[in-house]
């Protein structure tokens, strides 16, 4: 998939547990886990905003684009 989710990296940098983030932004741990693994087809801007606010980061810190060619290497 060309969009890479780096949420787990940002959680580690901020020393925040997934459980705490999920609680603070109002989503289930299961949904947060799906988002972290990239197994979602989309994310609401309100959710992205809440994550960025809580982790004090930018959307680009969480999401990365890789072309199909880069993914194959």
N, C-alpha and C. Protein backbone atom coordinates (compact mmCIF):
# COMPACT_ATOMS: atom_id res chain seq x y z
N UNK A 1 0.85 -1.18 0.00
CA UNK A 1 0.00 0.00 0.00
C UNK A 1 0.89 1.24 0.00
N UNK A 2 0.61 2.21 -0.85
CA UNK A 2 1.48 3.39 -0.97
C UNK A 2 1.47 4.34 0.23
N UNK A 3 0.44 4.28 1.08
CA UNK A 3 0.42 5.14 2.26
C UNK A 3 0.89 4.34 3.47
N UNK A 4 1.94 4.80 4.09
CA UNK A 4 2.52 4.14 5.26
C UNK A 4 2.10 4.92 6.50
N UNK A 5 1.58 4.22 7.51
CA UNK A 5 1.16 4.85 8.76
C UNK A 5 2.29 4.69 9.78
N UNK A 6 2.80 5.80 10.24
CA UNK A 6 3.91 5.81 11.20
C UNK A 6 3.46 6.16 12.61
N UNK A 7 2.22 5.85 12.92
CA UNK A 7 1.67 6.19 14.23
C UNK A 7 2.43 5.49 15.36
N UNK A 8 2.81 4.24 15.15
CA UNK A 8 3.54 3.52 16.19
C UNK A 8 4.89 4.18 16.50
N UNK A 9 5.52 4.73 15.48
CA UNK A 9 6.80 5.42 15.67
C UNK A 9 6.60 6.68 16.51
N UNK A 10 5.53 7.44 16.19
CA UNK A 10 5.26 8.67 16.94
C UNK A 10 4.86 8.36 18.38
N UNK A 11 4.12 7.28 18.59
CA UNK A 11 3.77 6.89 19.95
C UNK A 11 5.04 6.58 20.76
N UNK A 12 5.96 5.87 20.14
CA UNK A 12 7.21 5.54 20.82
C UNK A 12 8.03 6.80 21.13
N UNK A 13 8.10 7.72 20.15
CA UNK A 13 8.85 8.96 20.37
C UNK A 13 8.27 9.77 21.52
N UNK A 14 6.95 9.77 21.63
CA UNK A 14 6.27 10.56 22.66
C UNK A 14 6.09 9.77 23.97
N UNK A 15 6.49 8.49 23.93
CA UNK A 15 6.34 7.61 25.10
C UNK A 15 4.89 7.55 25.57
N UNK A 16 3.99 7.36 24.59
CA UNK A 16 2.56 7.28 24.86
C UNK A 16 2.09 5.87 24.52
N UNK A 17 1.28 5.29 25.38
CA UNK A 17 0.72 3.97 25.13
C UNK A 17 -0.51 4.09 24.24
N UNK A 18 -0.71 3.10 23.39
CA UNK A 18 -1.87 3.08 22.49
C UNK A 18 -3.16 3.22 23.28
N UNK A 19 -3.23 2.53 24.40
CA UNK A 19 -4.43 2.56 25.25
C UNK A 19 -4.74 3.99 25.68
N UNK A 20 -3.71 4.73 26.10
CA UNK A 20 -3.91 6.11 26.55
C UNK A 20 -4.36 7.01 25.41
N UNK A 21 -3.73 6.85 24.25
CA UNK A 21 -4.13 7.66 23.10
C UNK A 21 -5.57 7.39 22.72
N UNK A 22 -5.94 6.12 22.63
CA UNK A 22 -7.31 5.76 22.25
C UNK A 22 -8.32 6.38 23.21
N UNK A 23 -8.01 6.30 24.49
CA UNK A 23 -8.90 6.87 25.50
C UNK A 23 -9.03 8.38 25.34
N UNK A 24 -7.91 9.05 25.13
CA UNK A 24 -7.90 10.50 25.03
C UNK A 24 -8.60 11.04 23.78
N UNK A 25 -8.54 10.29 22.68
CA UNK A 25 -9.14 10.81 21.44
C UNK A 25 -10.52 10.21 21.18
N UNK A 26 -10.94 9.28 22.03
CA UNK A 26 -12.31 8.77 21.93
C UNK A 26 -12.54 7.71 20.88
N UNK A 27 -11.54 6.84 20.63
CA UNK A 27 -11.76 5.70 19.75
C UNK A 27 -11.37 4.43 20.49
N UNK A 28 -11.81 3.30 19.99
CA UNK A 28 -11.49 2.04 20.65
C UNK A 28 -10.04 1.67 20.38
N UNK A 29 -9.49 0.86 21.27
CA UNK A 29 -8.13 0.37 21.06
C UNK A 29 -8.06 -0.48 19.80
N UNK A 30 -9.13 -1.21 19.52
CA UNK A 30 -9.17 -2.04 18.31
C UNK A 30 -9.08 -1.18 17.05
N UNK A 31 -9.83 -0.08 17.02
CA UNK A 31 -9.77 0.80 15.85
C UNK A 31 -8.41 1.48 15.74
N UNK A 32 -7.82 1.84 16.86
CA UNK A 32 -6.49 2.44 16.84
C UNK A 32 -5.47 1.43 16.31
N UNK A 33 -5.61 0.20 16.72
CA UNK A 33 -4.72 -0.86 16.25
C UNK A 33 -4.83 -1.04 14.74
N UNK A 34 -6.05 -1.02 14.22
CA UNK A 34 -6.26 -1.11 12.78
C UNK A 34 -5.61 0.06 12.05
N UNK A 35 -5.75 1.25 12.63
CA UNK A 35 -5.14 2.44 12.03
C UNK A 35 -3.62 2.31 12.03
N UNK A 36 -3.04 1.88 13.15
CA UNK A 36 -1.59 1.73 13.25
C UNK A 36 -1.05 0.74 12.24
N UNK A 37 -1.81 -0.31 11.98
CA UNK A 37 -1.35 -1.35 11.05
C UNK A 37 -1.60 -0.99 9.60
N UNK A 38 -2.32 0.11 9.35
CA UNK A 38 -2.61 0.53 7.98
C UNK A 38 -3.73 -0.26 7.34
N UNK A 39 -4.52 -0.96 8.14
CA UNK A 39 -5.60 -1.81 7.62
C UNK A 39 -6.93 -1.07 7.52
N UNK A 40 -6.87 0.23 7.42
CA UNK A 40 -8.09 1.02 7.25
C UNK A 40 -8.07 1.66 5.87
N UNK A 41 -9.23 1.96 5.35
CA UNK A 41 -9.31 2.58 4.04
C UNK A 41 -9.32 4.10 4.13
N UNK A 42 -9.51 4.61 5.34
CA UNK A 42 -9.53 6.05 5.51
C UNK A 42 -9.49 6.42 6.98
N UNK A 43 -9.27 7.68 7.22
CA UNK A 43 -9.28 8.20 8.59
C UNK A 43 -9.97 9.56 8.55
N UNK A 44 -10.84 9.79 9.50
CA UNK A 44 -11.54 11.08 9.55
C UNK A 44 -10.57 12.17 9.95
N UNK A 45 -10.77 13.34 9.36
CA UNK A 45 -9.91 14.47 9.71
C UNK A 45 -10.01 14.79 11.20
N UNK A 46 -11.20 14.64 11.79
CA UNK A 46 -11.37 14.91 13.21
C UNK A 46 -10.51 13.97 14.05
N UNK A 47 -10.40 12.71 13.63
CA UNK A 47 -9.55 11.74 14.34
C UNK A 47 -8.09 12.10 14.16
N UNK A 48 -7.71 12.43 12.93
CA UNK A 48 -6.33 12.82 12.65
C UNK A 48 -5.96 14.07 13.44
N UNK A 49 -6.87 15.02 13.50
CA UNK A 49 -6.64 16.25 14.27
C UNK A 49 -6.44 15.93 15.75
N UNK A 50 -7.28 15.06 16.30
CA UNK A 50 -7.18 14.70 17.71
C UNK A 50 -5.85 14.00 18.01
N UNK A 51 -5.43 13.12 17.13
CA UNK A 51 -4.14 12.43 17.30
C UNK A 51 -3.01 13.45 17.28
N UNK A 52 -3.02 14.33 16.29
CA UNK A 52 -1.96 15.34 16.17
C UNK A 52 -1.94 16.27 17.38
N UNK A 53 -3.11 16.64 17.85
CA UNK A 53 -3.18 17.53 19.02
C UNK A 53 -2.58 16.83 20.24
N UNK A 54 -2.98 15.59 20.47
CA UNK A 54 -2.51 14.86 21.66
C UNK A 54 -1.02 14.55 21.58
N UNK A 55 -0.53 14.17 20.40
CA UNK A 55 0.88 13.82 20.26
C UNK A 55 1.77 15.01 19.89
N UNK A 56 1.15 16.19 19.71
CA UNK A 56 1.88 17.40 19.34
C UNK A 56 2.75 17.15 18.11
N UNK A 57 2.07 16.76 17.02
CA UNK A 57 2.78 16.47 15.78
C UNK A 57 1.95 16.94 14.59
N UNK A 58 2.48 16.76 13.42
CA UNK A 58 1.81 17.13 12.17
C UNK A 58 1.32 15.86 11.46
N UNK A 59 0.29 15.96 10.60
CA UNK A 59 -0.18 14.79 9.86
C UNK A 59 0.95 14.10 9.09
N UNK A 60 1.90 14.86 8.58
CA UNK A 60 3.02 14.29 7.85
C UNK A 60 3.96 13.47 8.72
N UNK A 61 3.87 13.65 10.03
CA UNK A 61 4.66 12.82 10.94
C UNK A 61 4.04 11.43 11.07
N UNK A 62 2.75 11.33 10.75
CA UNK A 62 2.01 10.09 10.93
C UNK A 62 1.82 9.32 9.63
N UNK A 63 1.74 10.04 8.52
CA UNK A 63 1.44 9.43 7.23
C UNK A 63 2.56 9.71 6.24
N UNK A 64 2.92 8.70 5.46
CA UNK A 64 4.00 8.81 4.49
C UNK A 64 3.56 8.15 3.19
N UNK A 65 3.89 8.77 2.09
CA UNK A 65 3.57 8.20 0.78
C UNK A 65 4.80 7.51 0.20
N UNK A 66 4.61 6.29 -0.27
CA UNK A 66 5.64 5.57 -1.01
C UNK A 66 5.03 5.10 -2.32
N UNK A 67 5.72 5.33 -3.40
CA UNK A 67 5.21 4.86 -4.68
C UNK A 67 5.22 3.33 -4.70
N UNK A 68 4.44 2.75 -5.58
CA UNK A 68 4.40 1.28 -5.70
C UNK A 68 5.79 0.72 -5.97
N UNK A 69 6.58 1.42 -6.75
CA UNK A 69 7.93 0.96 -7.06
C UNK A 69 8.80 0.89 -5.80
N UNK A 70 8.69 1.89 -4.93
CA UNK A 70 9.46 1.90 -3.69
C UNK A 70 9.03 0.75 -2.78
N UNK A 71 7.74 0.44 -2.78
CA UNK A 71 7.21 -0.63 -1.92
C UNK A 71 7.72 -2.00 -2.34
N UNK A 72 8.03 -2.17 -3.63
CA UNK A 72 8.48 -3.48 -4.13
C UNK A 72 9.94 -3.75 -3.81
N UNK A 73 10.70 -2.71 -3.48
CA UNK A 73 12.14 -2.89 -3.22
C UNK A 73 12.42 -3.16 -1.79
